[in-house]
Every structure is written in structure tokens, then in C-alpha cells.
Amino acid sequence: MEKVANKKEVYLLLLMVVILWGVNTVSIKYLTQFFPPTILASIRMILASSFLFTVFLCKTKQRKLPKAAWGATAGVAISCIFLHQIALTIGLKETSSTHATLILGLGPLFTTVLASFFLREPFTLAKGLGIFLGLCGIGLIVVGKSQSGSTLLGDGITCIAALTFAIGSLFVKKAVLNSSSLAVTAYSHTLAAIGLTAFNLLLYPVSDYAASPMNGTILFVLLFSSFMSTAVGALLWNMSIHKVGASTAALFQNASPIFGIFAAALFLGETLRWQYFFSLLLISGGVILGTGILSLPSSHDKKNL
């Protein structure tokens, strides 16, 4: 009974993570009205990494990252955070939250495809059908009646954000082989925060940071996005993977676009159209097939039935 109870607790944590990530898409979309996209990414990452590194220092006796984990951790920082955050914030500036959440729902599918090529996992017919359904879902978003505020450029950049996150997940798998997930998360976010800040200092003067408007609502959304959606979401995600495994955790990640779509309608007043529900079904179906959640029993399994 204790084991089942623990699993139920982990599932609740995973549900909290996908809700936080779904709402975060809307939060970033809202904040891009007041901050240049890359400056916003830098500020959010500085706040998130400060929180994560504080927790890391308080919760563990480990202070240094093992040498064997540095390469993969740097890969996580560059692809999964640095490039992902830049593409995500620019993409959300150029498209609607509804389009973004649906496109980001392809993340688990991208991860499966990349793992097939780079980790030598088998590429099955189910994965091929999953890719087809996912691309159909994206096509329906792009060629259908556009949501107000959405552009083809924004959709494309958001798709890059999903791809870079998937690439980063491959580095995560390698990094955690040589260090704890908390250490990898803290160091990768800190490296990304340094990189984003340096990148922005080359593009914008320091005065642009202080010139960004700020009121109670903006500050609340910024802190919620940084501390809860980014920092706490990453911690809970890694904790859950340790308990139930990455494949089970990925099942919950598929629900993030659902929460994002309804959050966009609730907080930003974006219109819900039938195309989005159908597109969501196609993308969800593609992710389910591509990640192998639904698979036909093998002949060996049939003999054992």
C-alpha cells in the first residue's frame, strides 16, 4: 500500500508540473508585452537558477559537479535552456499562446525520434505514424484560420523551441548517469543564466533592463513564471522521473498543451476554435503513438495471454 501511495503522490506532482508548464506559456506570452523576449528569458533564468542553486546547496553536501558530467550538463544548458528559452520567448512574441501550446506538444515526439537516431532506439511503424499525425496537427494550425496575433514565423520559431528542448533531453539522460538530477538541474540553469545575460548585454544596454515597466501584476507573473513554472517545475519533474521513470513522466507532459490552451482562453481571452481541438487530438495521437504508449502485443506476448 505504501508503494501505491507513493506513486499516487508522484502522479500528483507530475500533474502539478504540466499545469505549471501549460500556464507558463501564457505567462511568457503576457510578459513579452513588457520585456524584449531575450531580456525576459535572461531575467527569468537568473531568478530560477538562483532559486535552484540555493536549494542545491541547502539540500545536498555535494558542492562540485563531477568532471564526467560537465560535458552533458553544458549540452543541457545550451540546447534545453539557452536556445530553448530564446526560441520560446521570441516564438511567443510572434504567435498566439494557443498555437504555441499545441506546437510545444510535439516535444515528446521529437524526443522519441531523436532517441531513435542518436541513442539507437528502434524506429517503429508506430513512431512513423506518430510523426505523420503530429505534422498533420501542425499543418492544421498553420494553414487553418489563424488565431489573432499568430504568424507563420512565430509558429516556426516555437517549433524550434520544442526541438531544442528535445535535444536537451538527450543530454539530460547522459548527465544524470554521472551526477544527481538536482546537481545537473542547478548547474545547467546557472550556466544558461550566465549565457543569456552575456548574450543580452551584447544586444542591449544595461539601462534597458531597468527601463522595463513594472507593476504588481507584472511582478507577480514574472516571479510565478521564474520560481514556480521554471524552477519548481524542473525540480518536481526530475524528482518524479527518479520515482516512476522518464517514459511514465512523459505521459503527463502530453497534457501540458491542454492546460495551456484553456489558460490562454481564460487569462488572455484567446478564442477556442474547433480546429484547435482537432489539432490537439492529432498531436496527442501522434505523441502517444510515437512514444510507444500504445503498442500492439508481440507474438511472444500473445502466447503468454
Protein backbone atom coordinates (compact mmCIF):
# COMPACT_ATOMS: atom_id res chain seq x y z
CA MET A 1 0.00 0.00 0.00
CA GLU A 2 2.87 2.36 0.79
CA LYS A 3 4.30 1.84 -2.70
CA VAL A 4 0.96 2.65 -4.33
CA ALA A 5 0.53 5.72 -2.12
CA ASN A 6 3.97 6.94 -3.13
CA LYS A 7 3.11 6.52 -6.81
CA LYS A 8 -0.10 8.46 -6.32
CA GLU A 9 1.88 11.27 -4.75
CA VAL A 10 4.29 11.29 -7.68
CA TYR A 11 1.42 11.39 -10.17
CA LEU A 12 0.01 14.42 -8.35
CA LEU A 13 3.42 16.08 -8.59
CA LEU A 14 3.55 15.37 -12.33
CA LEU A 15 0.06 16.77 -12.78
CA MET A 16 1.20 19.92 -10.97
CA VAL A 17 4.23 20.17 -13.28
CA VAL A 18 2.23 20.03 -16.52
CA ILE A 19 -0.25 22.57 -15.16
CA LEU A 20 2.64 24.89 -14.27
CA TRP A 21 4.20 24.42 -17.72
CA GLY A 22 0.91 24.95 -19.51
CA VAL A 23 0.22 28.17 -17.59
CA ASN A 24 3.85 29.25 -18.12
CA THR A 25 3.28 29.51 -21.86
CA VAL A 26 0.54 32.04 -21.15
CA SER A 27 2.69 33.82 -18.55
CA ILE A 28 5.55 34.29 -21.02
CA LYS A 29 3.14 35.47 -23.72
CA TYR A 30 1.80 38.08 -21.30
CA LEU A 31 5.27 39.22 -20.19
CA THR A 32 6.53 39.67 -23.77
CA GLN A 33 4.24 42.71 -23.94
CA PHE A 34 6.53 44.48 -21.45
CA PHE A 35 10.01 42.97 -21.96
CA PRO A 36 12.16 42.30 -25.03
CA PRO A 37 11.96 38.50 -25.48
CA THR A 38 15.61 37.65 -24.84
CA ILE A 39 15.85 40.02 -21.85
CA LEU A 40 12.77 38.32 -20.41
CA ALA A 41 14.42 34.92 -20.84
CA SER A 42 17.54 36.20 -19.08
CA ILE A 43 15.65 37.68 -16.12
CA ARG A 44 13.54 34.55 -15.67
CA MET A 45 16.59 32.29 -15.82
CA ILE A 46 18.58 34.41 -13.34
CA LEU A 47 15.72 34.19 -10.84
CA ALA A 48 15.14 30.47 -11.46
CA SER A 49 18.82 29.49 -11.29
CA SER A 50 19.31 31.46 -8.06
CA PHE A 51 16.46 29.51 -6.50
CA LEU A 52 17.68 26.15 -7.82
CA PHE A 53 21.29 26.66 -6.75
CA THR A 54 20.16 27.72 -3.27
CA VAL A 55 18.11 24.54 -2.92
CA PHE A 56 21.04 22.50 -4.26
CA LEU A 57 23.45 23.92 -1.68
CA CYS A 58 20.96 23.50 1.17
CA LYS A 59 19.74 20.00 0.31
CA THR A 60 22.98 18.23 -0.61
CA LYS A 61 26.54 18.01 0.67
CA GLN A 62 27.76 17.98 -2.92
CA ARG A 63 29.28 21.28 -3.99
CA LYS A 64 31.00 20.47 -7.28
CA LEU A 65 29.77 18.79 -10.41
CA PRO A 66 31.78 15.65 -11.33
CA LYS A 67 34.11 16.18 -14.29
CA ALA A 68 32.40 13.37 -16.20
CA ALA A 69 29.08 15.25 -16.05
CA TRP A 70 30.29 18.66 -17.23
CA GLY A 71 30.07 17.99 -20.98
CA ALA A 72 26.50 16.68 -20.93
CA THR A 73 25.42 19.34 -18.41
CA ALA A 74 26.78 22.04 -20.73
CA GLY A 75 24.76 20.42 -23.52
CA VAL A 76 21.64 20.66 -21.36
CA ALA A 77 22.37 24.33 -20.62
CA ILE A 78 22.94 25.24 -24.28
CA SER A 79 20.14 23.34 -26.00
CA CYS A 80 17.47 22.64 -23.39
CA ILE A 81 17.66 26.05 -21.69
CA PHE A 82 19.69 28.74 -23.54
CA LEU A 83 18.49 28.10 -27.11
CA HIS A 84 15.09 26.83 -25.95
CA GLN A 85 14.36 29.95 -23.89
CA ILE A 86 15.41 32.31 -26.68
CA ALA A 87 13.29 30.47 -29.26
CA LEU A 88 10.37 30.13 -26.84
CA THR A 89 10.19 33.80 -25.87
CA ILE A 90 10.65 35.06 -29.44
CA GLY A 91 8.14 32.50 -30.73
CA LEU A 92 5.55 33.52 -28.15
CA LYS A 93 6.11 37.16 -29.07
CA GLU A 94 5.25 36.34 -32.70
CA THR A 95 2.40 33.86 -32.26
CA SER A 96 -0.59 33.16 -30.04
CA SER A 97 -0.43 31.12 -26.86
CA THR A 98 -2.87 28.63 -28.36
CA HIS A 99 -0.63 27.95 -31.37
CA ALA A 100 2.43 27.77 -29.11
CA THR A 101 0.96 25.25 -26.67
CA LEU A 102 -0.18 22.96 -29.46
CA ILE A 103 3.20 23.08 -31.22
CA LEU A 104 5.10 22.55 -27.96
CA GLY A 105 3.01 19.42 -27.51
CA LEU A 106 5.27 17.83 -30.13
CA GLY A 107 8.17 17.82 -27.65
CA PRO A 108 7.83 14.18 -26.54
CA LEU A 109 7.51 13.11 -30.17
CA PHE A 110 10.71 14.94 -31.14
CA THR A 111 12.47 13.30 -28.20
CA THR A 112 11.41 9.84 -29.37
CA VAL A 113 12.57 10.45 -32.94
CA LEU A 114 15.95 11.85 -31.84
CA ALA A 115 16.46 8.96 -29.45
CA SER A 116 15.91 6.57 -32.34
CA PHE A 117 18.74 8.17 -34.32
CA PHE A 118 21.24 9.08 -31.61
CA LEU A 119 20.54 6.53 -28.88
CA ARG A 120 19.88 3.67 -31.31
CA GLU A 121 16.37 3.04 -30.05
CA PRO A 122 14.26 1.17 -32.67
CA PHE A 123 12.28 3.31 -35.11
CA THR A 124 8.95 1.51 -35.40
CA LEU A 125 5.92 1.87 -37.66
CA ALA A 126 4.06 3.36 -34.71
CA LYS A 127 6.69 6.09 -34.43
CA GLY A 128 6.37 6.82 -38.16
CA LEU A 129 2.59 7.14 -37.83
CA GLY A 130 3.11 9.35 -34.81
CA ILE A 131 5.31 11.72 -36.80
CA PHE A 132 2.73 11.85 -39.59
CA LEU A 133 -0.13 12.67 -37.21
CA GLY A 134 1.96 15.28 -35.43
CA LEU A 135 2.90 17.02 -38.68
CA CYS A 136 -0.75 16.96 -39.74
CA GLY A 137 -1.64 18.64 -36.47
CA ILE A 138 0.94 21.39 -37.05
CA GLY A 139 -0.26 21.77 -40.64
CA LEU A 140 -3.82 22.28 -39.44
CA ILE A 141 -2.63 25.08 -37.15
CA VAL A 142 -0.58 26.83 -39.83
CA VAL A 143 -2.88 26.60 -42.87
CA GLY A 144 -6.14 26.89 -40.97
CA LYS A 145 -7.81 30.11 -39.90
CA SER A 146 -5.15 31.96 -37.91
CA GLN A 147 -5.59 32.88 -34.27
CA SER A 148 -5.27 36.63 -33.71
CA GLY A 149 -1.64 37.51 -33.04
CA SER A 150 -0.21 34.38 -34.67
CA THR A 151 2.28 34.30 -37.56
CA LEU A 152 3.97 31.61 -39.60
CA LEU A 153 7.35 32.89 -38.35
CA GLY A 154 6.21 32.64 -34.75
CA ASP A 155 4.90 29.10 -35.26
CA GLY A 156 8.20 28.07 -36.85
CA ILE A 157 10.34 29.55 -34.06
CA THR A 158 8.12 27.88 -31.45
CA CYS A 159 8.67 24.59 -33.24
CA ILE A 160 12.43 25.18 -32.92
CA ALA A 161 11.88 25.72 -29.18
CA ALA A 162 10.25 22.29 -28.92
CA LEU A 163 13.09 20.72 -30.92
CA THR A 164 15.88 22.24 -28.80
CA PHE A 165 14.16 21.04 -25.64
CA ALA A 166 14.02 17.53 -27.08
CA ILE A 167 17.73 17.67 -27.96
CA GLY A 168 18.46 18.78 -24.42
CA SER A 169 16.62 15.78 -23.01
CA LEU A 170 19.18 13.51 -24.69
CA PHE A 171 21.94 15.37 -22.84
CA VAL A 172 19.98 15.03 -19.60
CA LYS A 173 19.98 11.25 -19.95
CA LYS A 174 23.77 11.29 -20.21
CA ALA A 175 24.37 13.89 -17.50
CA VAL A 176 22.39 12.10 -14.78
CA LEU A 177 24.50 8.99 -15.27
CA ASN A 178 27.38 10.80 -13.56
CA SER A 179 25.61 13.14 -11.16
CA SER A 180 22.33 13.74 -9.34
CA SER A 181 19.44 15.30 -11.24
CA LEU A 182 19.35 18.18 -8.74
CA ALA A 183 23.02 18.98 -9.36
CA VAL A 184 22.58 18.78 -13.14
CA THR A 185 19.48 20.98 -12.98
CA ALA A 186 21.12 23.61 -10.75
CA TYR A 187 24.35 23.83 -12.74
CA SER A 188 22.70 23.75 -16.17
CA HIS A 189 20.28 26.54 -15.24
CA THR A 190 23.11 28.61 -13.78
CA LEU A 191 25.26 28.17 -16.92
CA ALA A 192 22.27 29.10 -19.07
CA ALA A 193 21.56 32.18 -16.96
CA ILE A 194 25.16 33.36 -17.41
CA GLY A 195 24.99 32.70 -21.15
CA LEU A 196 21.66 34.50 -21.58
CA THR A 197 22.86 37.51 -19.59
CA ALA A 198 26.08 37.77 -21.62
CA PHE A 199 24.09 37.39 -24.85
CA ASN A 200 21.73 40.20 -23.88
CA LEU A 201 24.49 42.54 -22.77
CA LEU A 202 25.83 42.31 -26.32
CA LEU A 203 22.42 43.23 -27.74
CA TYR A 204 21.00 45.70 -25.23
CA PRO A 205 22.45 48.34 -22.88
CA VAL A 206 22.08 47.73 -19.15
CA SER A 207 19.60 50.62 -18.99
CA ASP A 208 17.08 48.55 -20.98
CA TYR A 209 16.74 46.15 -18.04
CA ALA A 210 15.81 48.97 -15.68
CA ALA A 211 13.58 50.60 -18.31
CA SER A 212 11.23 47.60 -18.40
CA PRO A 213 7.83 48.55 -16.90
CA MET A 214 6.85 47.01 -13.59
CA ASN A 215 3.69 46.91 -11.53
CA GLY A 216 2.13 44.44 -9.12
CA THR A 217 0.61 42.22 -11.82
CA ILE A 218 3.73 42.12 -13.99
CA LEU A 219 5.93 41.36 -10.97
CA PHE A 220 3.63 38.58 -9.79
CA VAL A 221 3.52 36.90 -13.21
CA LEU A 222 7.31 37.25 -13.58
CA LEU A 223 8.03 35.71 -10.17
CA PHE A 224 5.46 32.96 -10.70
CA SER A 225 6.94 32.08 -14.08
CA SER A 226 10.51 32.10 -12.74
CA PHE A 227 10.16 30.42 -9.37
CA MET A 228 7.13 28.16 -9.82
CA SER A 229 6.88 27.22 -13.50
CA THR A 230 10.62 27.15 -14.29
CA ALA A 231 12.47 26.35 -11.03
CA VAL A 232 9.92 24.33 -9.04
CA GLY A 233 8.61 22.70 -12.22
CA ALA A 234 12.11 21.48 -13.12
CA LEU A 235 12.73 20.16 -9.60
CA LEU A 236 9.42 18.28 -9.40
CA TRP A 237 9.93 16.89 -12.89
CA ASN A 238 13.35 15.46 -12.04
CA MET A 239 12.13 14.10 -8.71
CA SER A 240 9.25 12.35 -10.44
CA ILE A 241 11.48 10.81 -13.11
CA HIS A 242 13.54 9.22 -10.35
CA LYS A 243 10.37 7.64 -8.89
CA VAL A 244 8.42 6.45 -11.93
CA GLY A 245 10.85 6.74 -14.87
CA ALA A 246 11.04 9.09 -17.83
CA SER A 247 8.56 7.19 -20.03
CA THR A 248 5.78 7.36 -17.45
CA ALA A 249 6.53 11.00 -16.72
CA ALA A 250 6.28 11.76 -20.44
CA LEU A 251 2.64 10.65 -20.39
CA PHE A 252 1.84 13.63 -18.18
CA GLN A 253 3.89 16.02 -20.31
CA ASN A 254 1.44 15.38 -23.13
CA ALA A 255 -1.28 17.10 -21.09
CA SER A 256 0.60 20.41 -20.89
CA PRO A 257 -0.84 21.80 -24.17
CA ILE A 258 -4.36 21.13 -22.91
CA PHE A 259 -3.83 23.29 -19.83
CA GLY A 260 -2.04 25.91 -21.94
CA ILE A 261 -4.91 26.25 -24.41
CA PHE A 262 -7.54 26.74 -21.75
CA ALA A 263 -5.26 29.04 -19.75
CA ALA A 264 -4.82 31.19 -22.87
CA ALA A 265 -8.59 31.38 -23.27
CA LEU A 266 -9.11 32.14 -19.57
CA PHE A 267 -6.36 34.71 -18.97
CA LEU A 268 -5.68 36.21 -22.41
CA GLY A 269 -9.13 35.94 -23.96
CA GLU A 270 -7.89 33.94 -26.96
CA THR A 271 -10.62 32.24 -28.95
CA LEU A 272 -11.09 28.48 -28.82
CA ARG A 273 -11.91 27.13 -32.29
CA TRP A 274 -12.80 23.64 -33.39
CA GLN A 275 -9.54 23.40 -35.38
CA TYR A 276 -7.53 23.59 -32.15
CA PHE A 277 -9.40 20.71 -30.56
CA PHE A 278 -8.93 18.58 -33.68
CA SER A 279 -5.28 19.64 -33.96
CA LEU A 280 -4.78 18.77 -30.31
CA LEU A 281 -6.24 15.31 -30.94
CA LEU A 282 -3.87 14.78 -33.89
CA ILE A 283 -0.79 15.93 -31.95
CA SER A 284 -1.77 13.95 -28.86
CA GLY A 285 -2.37 10.89 -31.02
CA GLY A 286 1.00 11.38 -32.68
CA VAL A 287 2.76 11.70 -29.34
CA ILE A 288 1.00 8.62 -27.95
CA LEU A 289 1.96 6.53 -30.96
CA GLY A 290 5.45 7.99 -31.32
CA THR A 291 6.40 7.45 -27.69
CA GLY A 292 5.09 3.89 -27.72
CA ILE A 293 2.41 4.43 -25.08
CA LEU A 294 0.01 2.35 -27.14
CA SER A 295 1.67 -0.65 -28.72
CA LEU A 296 0.30 -3.87 -30.10
CA PRO A 297 1.26 -7.02 -28.17
CA SER A 298 4.04 -9.04 -29.76
CA SER A 299 3.65 -12.67 -30.76
CA HIS A 300 5.57 -13.63 -27.62
CA ASP A 301 3.14 -11.64 -25.51
CA LYS A 302 0.16 -13.26 -27.25
CA LYS A 303 1.45 -16.71 -26.39
CA ASN A 304 1.56 -15.71 -22.75
CA LEU A 305 -2.04 -14.42 -22.73
